[in-house]
């Protein structure tokens, strides 16, 4: 009768090839330069915009002055909206 044992050397070779391909992909991704320019950060909220002196989300009002940032306490049943600058 024929002996039907799995060919472990073929399985080991496949495992080494798969590991090498994965490692090569990771190394290329970290070494290759990124394409395009790096975008400059844009102020996404009035709190990050140094030109905005006062902003609100319809619940609280925040102001920026020489002492730093100061925000009011929101009301009990406040419904927040998007932040908007109210004074420059």
Protein backbone atom coordinates (compact mmCIF):
# COMPACT_ATOMS: atom_id res chain seq x y z
CA UNK A 1 0.00 0.00 0.00
CA UNK A 2 1.13 3.57 -0.67
CA UNK A 3 2.12 5.85 2.17
CA UNK A 4 0.06 9.09 2.11
CA UNK A 5 1.94 11.35 4.53
CA UNK A 6 1.72 15.10 4.01
CA UNK A 7 4.77 16.76 2.51
CA UNK A 8 5.91 18.93 5.43
CA UNK A 9 8.83 20.46 3.56
CA UNK A 10 6.46 21.95 0.98
CA UNK A 11 4.24 23.38 3.77
CA UNK A 12 7.27 24.85 5.52
CA UNK A 13 8.51 26.43 2.29
CA UNK A 14 5.08 27.98 1.68
CA UNK A 15 5.02 29.36 5.25
CA UNK A 16 8.48 30.93 4.81
CA UNK A 17 7.49 32.47 1.47
CA UNK A 18 4.30 33.92 2.96
CA UNK A 19 6.22 35.31 5.95
CA UNK A 20 8.89 36.85 3.70
CA UNK A 21 6.26 38.44 1.44
CA UNK A 22 4.45 39.92 4.44
CA UNK A 23 7.67 41.29 5.91
CA UNK A 24 8.70 42.78 2.56
CA UNK A 25 5.32 44.49 2.20
CA UNK A 26 5.54 46.00 5.67
CA UNK A 27 9.11 47.21 5.13
CA UNK A 28 8.31 48.80 1.76
CA UNK A 29 5.27 50.57 3.27
CA UNK A 30 7.42 52.11 6.01
CA UNK A 31 10.44 52.99 3.87
CA UNK A 32 8.75 54.25 0.69
CA UNK A 33 8.10 58.00 0.66
CA UNK A 34 4.51 59.14 0.82
CA UNK A 35 3.15 60.67 -2.36
CA UNK A 36 1.72 64.16 -2.49
CA UNK A 37 2.11 67.10 -0.22
CA UNK A 38 1.32 67.14 3.45
CA UNK A 39 -1.76 69.31 4.02
CA UNK A 40 -1.44 72.16 6.45
CA UNK A 41 -3.67 71.81 9.51
CA UNK A 42 -6.81 73.91 9.29
CA UNK A 43 -8.69 75.09 12.34
CA UNK A 44 -11.64 72.73 12.59
CA UNK A 45 -13.42 74.60 15.35
CA UNK A 46 -13.54 78.16 16.63
CA UNK A 47 -11.67 77.03 19.75
CA UNK A 48 -8.67 76.18 17.55
CA UNK A 49 -8.89 79.42 15.55
CA UNK A 50 -6.77 82.09 17.28
CA UNK A 51 -8.70 84.85 15.46
CA UNK A 52 -12.02 83.85 17.06
CA UNK A 53 -12.53 85.65 20.40
CA UNK A 54 -15.97 84.20 21.30
CA UNK A 55 -17.86 81.09 20.17
CA UNK A 56 -20.93 79.10 21.15
CA UNK A 57 -22.65 75.77 20.61
CA UNK A 58 -26.03 77.19 21.76
CA UNK A 59 -25.43 75.70 25.21
CA UNK A 60 -22.42 77.52 26.48
CA UNK A 61 -20.41 80.54 25.45
CA UNK A 62 -16.62 80.49 25.46
CA UNK A 63 -14.35 83.51 25.27
CA UNK A 64 -10.63 83.91 24.72
CA UNK A 65 -8.77 86.75 26.41
CA UNK A 66 -5.35 87.48 27.86
CA UNK A 67 -5.99 85.12 30.79
CA UNK A 68 -6.88 82.13 28.59
CA UNK A 69 -10.18 80.44 27.74
CA UNK A 70 -13.34 80.90 29.79
CA UNK A 71 -16.57 78.96 29.18
CA UNK A 72 -19.99 79.28 30.77
CA UNK A 73 -21.81 76.32 32.30
CA UNK A 74 -24.37 74.68 29.99
CA UNK A 75 -28.02 74.68 31.01
CA UNK A 76 -29.91 71.63 32.23
CA UNK A 77 -31.88 70.83 29.04
CA UNK A 78 -29.35 72.09 26.56
CA UNK A 79 -29.48 70.98 22.91
CA UNK A 80 -26.00 71.39 21.47
CA UNK A 81 -25.48 72.58 17.92
CA UNK A 82 -22.38 73.00 15.79
CA UNK A 83 -19.75 75.39 17.14
CA UNK A 84 -19.78 78.83 15.54
CA UNK A 85 -17.67 81.91 16.05
CA UNK A 86 -19.71 84.88 17.29
CA UNK A 87 -16.98 87.52 17.71
CA UNK A 88 -13.61 88.13 16.11
